[in-house]
Protein backbone atom coordinates (compact mmCIF):
# COMPACT_ATOMS: atom_id res chain seq x y z
CA UNK A 1 99.52 113.87 104.09
CA UNK A 2 97.26 114.72 106.97
CA UNK A 3 95.38 112.33 109.26
CA UNK A 4 91.71 110.88 109.65
CA UNK A 5 87.83 111.42 110.26
CA UNK A 6 88.53 108.48 110.83
CA UNK A 7 89.55 106.77 107.78
CA UNK A 8 87.56 109.01 106.68
CA UNK A 9 88.98 112.13 104.81
CA UNK A 10 88.81 110.21 101.43
CA UNK A 11 85.61 108.64 102.15
CA UNK A 12 83.82 111.33 103.77
CA UNK A 13 85.50 113.84 100.85
CA UNK A 14 84.09 110.77 97.86
CA UNK A 15 80.95 110.66 99.34
CA UNK A 16 79.58 114.14 99.93
CA UNK A 17 81.26 115.38 96.60
CA UNK A 18 79.03 112.89 95.29
CA UNK A 19 76.00 113.41 97.51
CA UNK A 20 75.60 116.75 99.54
CA UNK A 21 76.21 119.89 98.87
CA UNK A 22 79.17 122.17 100.45
CA UNK A 23 77.92 123.52 104.04
CA UNK A 24 79.71 125.83 105.79
CA UNK A 25 79.82 125.54 109.82
CA UNK A 26 80.85 127.00 113.39
CA UNK A 27 81.86 124.94 115.77
CA UNK A 28 81.14 126.01 119.62
CA UNK A 29 81.68 125.24 122.69
CA UNK A 30 82.26 121.83 123.72
CA UNK A 31 79.77 119.74 127.04
CA UNK A 32 82.01 120.72 129.82
CA UNK A 33 83.43 117.33 131.69
CA UNK A 34 86.48 116.23 133.52
CA UNK A 35 89.98 116.31 131.85
CA UNK A 36 93.08 114.35 133.29
CA UNK A 37 96.81 114.56 132.43
CA UNK A 38 98.47 112.52 129.28
CA UNK A 39 97.63 108.78 129.64
CA UNK A 40 101.55 107.13 129.33
CA UNK A 41 101.97 104.67 126.72
CA UNK A 42 104.21 102.22 127.48
CA UNK A 43 107.34 101.70 124.57
CA UNK A 44 104.96 102.84 121.50
CA UNK A 45 106.51 101.42 118.12
CA UNK A 46 106.25 102.75 115.13
CA UNK A 47 104.75 100.26 112.19
CA UNK A 48 105.78 101.61 108.41
CA UNK A 49 104.75 99.36 106.07
CA UNK A 50 107.98 98.44 103.37
CA UNK A 51 105.67 99.12 100.45
CA UNK A 52 104.88 102.42 101.84
CA UNK A 53 106.21 105.50 99.93
CA UNK A 54 103.73 108.43 101.57
CA UNK A 55 102.62 107.44 104.65
CA UNK A 56 101.44 104.16 106.97
CA UNK A 57 98.79 103.89 108.98
CA UNK A 58 97.05 101.31 111.58
CA UNK A 59 93.77 101.25 112.10
CA UNK A 60 92.35 98.29 114.28
CA UNK A 61 94.00 95.98 116.46
CA UNK A 62 93.08 92.35 118.16
CA UNK A 63 95.49 90.55 120.35
CA UNK A 64 98.46 91.21 118.58
CA UNK A 65 97.70 91.71 115.40
CA UNK A 66 97.31 94.85 113.41
CA UNK A 67 95.57 96.37 110.49
CA UNK A 68 96.27 99.13 108.46
CA UNK A 69 97.25 100.51 105.15
CA UNK A 70 99.43 102.23 103.33
CA UNK A 71 99.92 105.11 100.43
CA UNK A 72 102.00 104.13 97.43
CA UNK A 73 103.79 105.69 94.93
CA UNK A 74 100.48 106.86 93.38
CA UNK A 75 98.85 107.39 96.45
CA UNK A 76 96.40 104.76 96.18
CA UNK A 77 95.25 103.05 99.52
CA UNK A 78 96.76 99.69 99.89
CA UNK A 79 95.74 97.42 102.90
CA UNK A 80 98.52 95.37 105.29
CA UNK A 81 97.77 92.50 108.18
CA UNK A 82 100.37 92.40 110.42
CA UNK A 83 101.60 89.94 113.04
CA UNK A 84 104.02 91.52 115.64
CA UNK A 85 107.13 90.83 113.04
CA UNK A 86 105.67 90.98 109.69
CA UNK A 87 103.47 92.82 106.92
CA UNK A 88 100.87 90.83 104.52
CA UNK A 89 99.41 92.79 102.17
CA UNK A 90 95.47 92.86 101.33
CA UNK A 91 93.68 94.43 99.05
CA UNK A 92 90.07 93.35 97.87
CA UNK A 93 90.71 91.16 94.51
CA UNK A 94 89.80 93.57 91.35
CA UNK A 95 90.28 96.84 93.40
CA UNK A 96 91.64 100.02 92.42
CA UNK A 97 92.15 100.71 96.29
CA UNK A 98 92.08 99.00 99.23
CA UNK A 99 91.37 100.26 102.75
CA UNK A 100 91.60 98.03 106.05
CA UNK A 101 89.30 99.64 109.35
CA UNK A 102 88.65 96.95 111.77
CA UNK A 103 89.95 93.50 112.98
CA UNK A 104 87.92 90.70 115.49
CA UNK A 105 89.66 88.13 115.39
CA UNK A 106 90.31 86.83 111.74
CA UNK A 107 87.80 88.79 110.05
CA UNK A 108 88.69 91.95 108.42
CA UNK A 109 86.52 95.06 107.31
CA UNK A 110 87.07 98.17 105.44
CA UNK A 111 86.13 99.42 102.12
CA UNK A 112 87.54 99.01 98.77
CA UNK A 113 87.11 100.98 95.15
CA UNK A 114 85.96 98.91 91.85
CA UNK A 115 87.30 99.34 88.25
CA UNK A 116 84.13 101.69 88.00
CA UNK A 117 84.83 104.09 90.98
CA UNK A 118 82.50 103.06 93.12
CA UNK A 119 82.85 102.41 96.59
CA UNK A 120 81.88 98.92 98.70
CA UNK A 121 82.55 97.75 102.16
CA UNK A 122 84.35 93.96 102.82
CA UNK A 123 84.33 91.27 104.97
CA UNK A 124 87.77 89.24 105.14
CA UNK A 125 87.47 86.45 106.96
CA UNK A 126 91.24 84.99 106.30
CA UNK A 127 90.47 83.51 103.04
CA UNK A 128 87.65 84.80 101.05
CA UNK A 129 86.50 88.34 100.00
CA UNK A 130 82.80 89.52 100.64
CA UNK A 131 81.34 92.68 99.61
CA UNK A 132 78.76 94.67 101.80
CA UNK A 133 76.22 97.12 100.21
CA UNK A 134 73.49 98.33 102.96
CA UNK A 135 70.66 98.10 100.67
CA UNK A 136 69.45 101.47 102.22
CA UNK A 137 71.94 103.64 99.94
CA UNK A 138 75.23 103.84 98.20
CA UNK A 139 78.71 104.06 98.81
CA UNK A 140 79.03 101.47 101.87
CA UNK A 141 82.11 101.64 103.92
CA UNK A 142 82.45 99.20 106.42
CA UNK A 143 84.61 100.44 109.57
CA UNK A 144 84.32 98.51 112.34
CA UNK A 145 83.77 94.31 113.80
CA UNK A 146 83.23 92.73 116.72
CA UNK A 147 82.29 88.65 116.44
CA UNK A 148 79.59 88.82 113.69
CA UNK A 149 78.42 92.39 114.02
CA UNK A 150 79.90 95.13 111.59
CA UNK A 151 79.28 99.02 111.74
CA UNK A 152 80.13 101.83 109.17
CA UNK A 153 78.21 104.82 107.38
CA UNK A 154 76.72 104.77 103.69
CA UNK A 155 75.17 107.63 101.79
CA UNK A 156 71.25 107.49 101.56
CA UNK A 157 69.53 110.00 99.70
CA UNK A 158 71.43 113.44 100.17
CA UNK A 159 72.72 112.12 103.78
CA UNK A 160 75.42 110.08 105.45
CA UNK A 161 74.67 107.60 107.98
CA UNK A 162 75.64 104.61 110.01
CA UNK A 163 74.93 101.08 109.97
CA UNK A 164 75.13 98.00 112.52
CA UNK A 165 74.65 94.52 109.84
CA UNK A 166 74.51 91.65 112.42
CA UNK A 167 75.15 89.15 109.16
CA UNK A 168 71.39 88.60 108.70
CA UNK A 169 70.26 92.07 108.78
CA UNK A 170 70.54 95.61 108.63
CA UNK A 171 70.35 98.30 110.55
CA UNK A 172 70.07 101.96 109.91
CA UNK A 173 72.06 104.41 112.77
CA UNK A 174 71.25 107.69 113.07
CA UNK A 175 72.32 110.28 116.64
CA UNK A 176 69.04 111.71 117.67
CA UNK A 177 70.46 114.64 118.28
CA UNK A 178 67.81 117.54 117.33
CA UNK A 179 70.03 118.93 113.82
CA UNK A 180 72.02 116.06 113.31
CA UNK A 181 73.09 116.01 109.61
CA UNK A 182 75.11 113.21 109.28
CA UNK A 183 76.47 110.19 111.33
CA UNK A 184 79.53 107.65 111.38
CA UNK A 185 79.41 104.79 113.33
CA UNK A 186 82.95 103.54 113.27
CA UNK A 187 84.10 100.81 116.20
CA UNK A 188 82.12 98.32 117.69
CA UNK A 189 82.70 96.02 121.00
CA UNK A 190 79.80 93.47 122.05
CA UNK A 191 76.75 95.60 121.84
CA UNK A 192 78.71 98.88 122.32
CA UNK A 193 79.16 101.01 119.10
CA UNK A 194 80.90 104.68 118.88
CA UNK A 195 81.05 107.23 116.32
CA UNK A 196 81.14 110.61 115.18
CA UNK A 197 78.11 112.73 113.88
CA UNK A 198 77.31 116.42 112.67
CA UNK A 199 74.93 118.40 114.56
CA UNK A 200 74.03 121.53 113.25
CA UNK A 201 77.77 123.13 113.08
CA UNK A 202 79.06 121.00 115.86
CA UNK A 203 80.93 117.75 115.32
CA UNK A 204 81.01 115.43 117.69
CA UNK A 205 81.65 111.91 119.08
CA UNK A 206 79.19 109.33 120.05
CA UNK A 207 78.69 105.99 121.87
CA UNK A 208 75.39 103.93 121.71
CA UNK A 209 74.19 100.81 123.65
CA UNK A 210 71.53 99.23 121.31
CA UNK A 211 68.95 101.18 123.27
CA UNK A 212 70.37 105.11 123.99
CA UNK A 213 72.91 107.56 122.25
CA UNK A 214 75.58 109.48 124.57
CA UNK A 215 77.47 112.20 123.26
CA UNK A 216 81.20 112.77 123.58
CA UNK A 217 82.91 115.78 123.52
CA UNK A 218 86.50 115.97 124.63
CA UNK A 219 86.61 119.20 127.19
CA UNK A 220 88.18 122.11 125.86
CA UNK A 221 88.16 120.68 122.25
CA UNK A 222 86.55 122.29 119.05
CA UNK A 223 86.40 118.85 117.64
CA UNK A 224 86.20 115.07 118.59
CA UNK A 225 85.79 112.16 116.83
CA UNK A 226 85.00 108.33 118.68
CA UNK A 227 86.84 105.67 116.48
CA UNK A 228 87.84 102.60 118.61
CA UNK A 229 86.33 100.92 122.01
CA UNK A 230 87.04 97.88 124.36
CA UNK A 231 85.18 97.01 127.02
CA UNK A 232 84.46 100.20 128.80
CA UNK A 233 87.61 102.14 126.93
CA UNK A 234 86.68 104.25 124.07
CA UNK A 235 90.14 105.77 121.80
CA UNK A 236 89.64 108.27 119.11
CA UNK A 237 91.10 111.82 118.21
CA UNK A 238 90.44 115.53 119.23
CA UNK A 239 91.26 118.86 117.57
CA UNK A 240 92.16 121.44 120.30
CA UNK A 241 91.92 125.61 120.42
CA UNK A 242 95.35 125.94 118.65
CA UNK A 243 94.06 123.11 115.67
CA UNK A 244 96.41 120.20 116.99
CA UNK A 245 95.12 116.81 116.67
CA UNK A 246 95.70 114.42 119.78
CA UNK A 247 94.63 111.39 120.43
CA UNK A 248 92.07 110.59 123.63
CA UNK A 249 91.29 108.04 125.79
CA UNK A 250 87.65 108.09 127.80
CA UNK A 251 87.39 105.57 130.58
CA UNK A 252 83.90 106.34 130.80
CA UNK A 253 84.48 109.36 133.40
CA UNK A 254 87.57 110.35 133.18
CA UNK A 255 89.71 111.95 129.25
CA UNK A 256 93.64 110.96 129.08
CA UNK A 257 95.06 112.55 126.42
CA UNK A 258 97.26 110.35 124.04
CA UNK A 259 99.95 111.35 122.41
CA UNK A 260 102.82 109.16 121.58
CA UNK A 261 106.36 110.93 122.71
CA UNK A 262 108.55 110.15 119.57
CA UNK A 263 110.70 113.75 118.63
CA UNK A 264 109.30 115.93 116.90
CA UNK A 265 105.38 114.32 116.72
CA UNK A 266 103.21 117.04 115.31
CA UNK A 267 99.87 115.39 116.21
CA UNK A 268 98.67 111.96 117.20
CA UNK A 269 95.47 110.04 116.76
CA UNK A 270 94.01 106.68 118.50
CA UNK A 271 92.20 104.91 115.97
CA UNK A 272 91.77 101.64 117.79
CA UNK A 273 92.12 99.74 120.94
CA UNK A 274 92.03 95.69 122.00
CA UNK A 275 92.26 95.22 125.44
CA UNK A 276 95.66 97.11 126.38
CA UNK A 277 96.76 97.63 123.16
CA UNK A 278 96.21 100.58 121.08
CA UNK A 279 96.98 101.71 117.79
CA UNK A 280 96.91 105.09 115.78
CA UNK A 281 98.74 107.06 113.57
CA UNK A 282 101.18 109.77 113.96
CA UNK A 283 102.44 113.06 111.49
CA UNK A 284 106.39 113.58 111.79
CA UNK A 285 107.75 117.09 111.97
CA UNK A 286 108.07 116.44 107.71
CA UNK A 287 104.86 116.04 107.56
CA UNK A 288 104.83 112.09 107.35
CA UNK A 289 102.01 109.76 108.54
CA UNK A 290 103.77 106.39 110.36
CA UNK A 291 101.04 104.26 112.03
CA UNK A 292 102.01 103.06 115.90
CA UNK A 293 100.73 100.30 118.38
CA UNK A 294 101.23 101.07 122.09
CA UNK A 295 100.19 99.53 125.29
CA UNK A 296 98.49 101.42 127.62
CA UNK A 297 99.80 101.95 130.80
CA UNK A 298 97.48 102.19 133.85
CA UNK A 299 95.88 105.70 133.77
CA UNK A 300 96.81 108.03 137.06
CA UNK A 301 94.30 108.55 139.33
CA UNK A 302 91.42 111.31 138.94
CA UNK A 303 92.08 114.56 139.79
CA UNK A 304 90.70 117.94 140.76
CA UNK A 305 90.33 119.72 137.56
CA UNK A 306 88.12 122.84 136.84
CA UNK A 307 85.75 121.90 134.00
CA UNK A 308 86.81 123.43 130.97
CA UNK A 309 84.97 124.41 127.94
CA UNK A 310 86.00 125.92 124.80
CA UNK A 311 85.18 126.78 120.65
CA UNK A 312 86.11 127.72 117.57
CA UNK A 313 84.94 128.69 114.54
CA UNK A 314 86.42 126.01 111.44
CA UNK A 315 85.02 125.37 107.79
CA UNK A 316 83.64 122.15 106.54
CA UNK A 317 87.10 121.45 104.57
CA UNK A 318 89.07 121.29 107.97
CA UNK A 319 86.49 118.72 109.63
CA UNK A 320 86.62 116.60 106.46
CA UNK A 321 90.26 116.60 106.21
CA UNK A 322 89.98 115.66 110.39
CA UNK A 323 91.15 112.07 108.88
CA UNK A 324 94.67 111.84 108.34
CA UNK A 325 95.36 114.61 110.18
CA UNK A 326 93.59 116.71 108.12
CA UNK A 327 94.14 115.81 104.32
CA UNK A 328 93.74 112.17 104.62
CA UNK A 329 93.24 111.68 101.02
CA UNK A 330 92.30 107.62 101.86
CA UNK A 331 91.61 105.49 104.76
């Protein structure tokens, strides 16, 4: 199993197979920016749900609480809540699969598949479960939460759109870059939203402050996706020119690579951030997925680094597979 286009390998694959015709594209040069050294993670801890058979992934953090999921023997997704010492299973009642994707305080969001194989978002407040279905389309997926505000994506017509739900009204989010074919909103902090979009033949991260969008491209990368935000810090993943996935931290001015230092690690993806706590997933040398939680150390002072641009060709299948290091069958 491999890592995520944000939880999205399974999700996007399911949505596109149901709604969109196959597309082939080439990812061209990334936007020039400043690339900084690797930002050290303080004593990262591997997270492996004791019920996992085929891998564990951590996707959201709020204070000291972590949420994520694991694969069962049948490769079905199940959610978990981790309080720093023990794992509690989370499955939407009556669902065939449950994927957790975000947490804020006691509130948790994600998606589930019902007995009719339909996909719905959900909100869990610690005692009750509520389905979330964007009225503008089908296959709703809730990915991030901040207070009462929830973001995610849905299929409307033949396209994938992001959404913002404030508990009363739904707002569709589409990156305005000319040629954008789909938009996925993934993380939220206050009024700031991050995610990724497909523009023509390019995949980029984005940030949205409620009025304007900014494109996010890790220097010298062939793809970038933003998944989590806390204050001014954004985390996500990028694919380098060799096709390897790395986590990243972007502080609004500088980019830092986030790679867990475990021996044999083949790839890292950062999905959530809360203050200085970061969670994500890494792939070991046996191609098994593990979640991780780590404290972010103070990043190095910016250095004089040449502006970098890069590019590479790759297909839609590779992009869809970015969730879970390339083969995500379902977060």
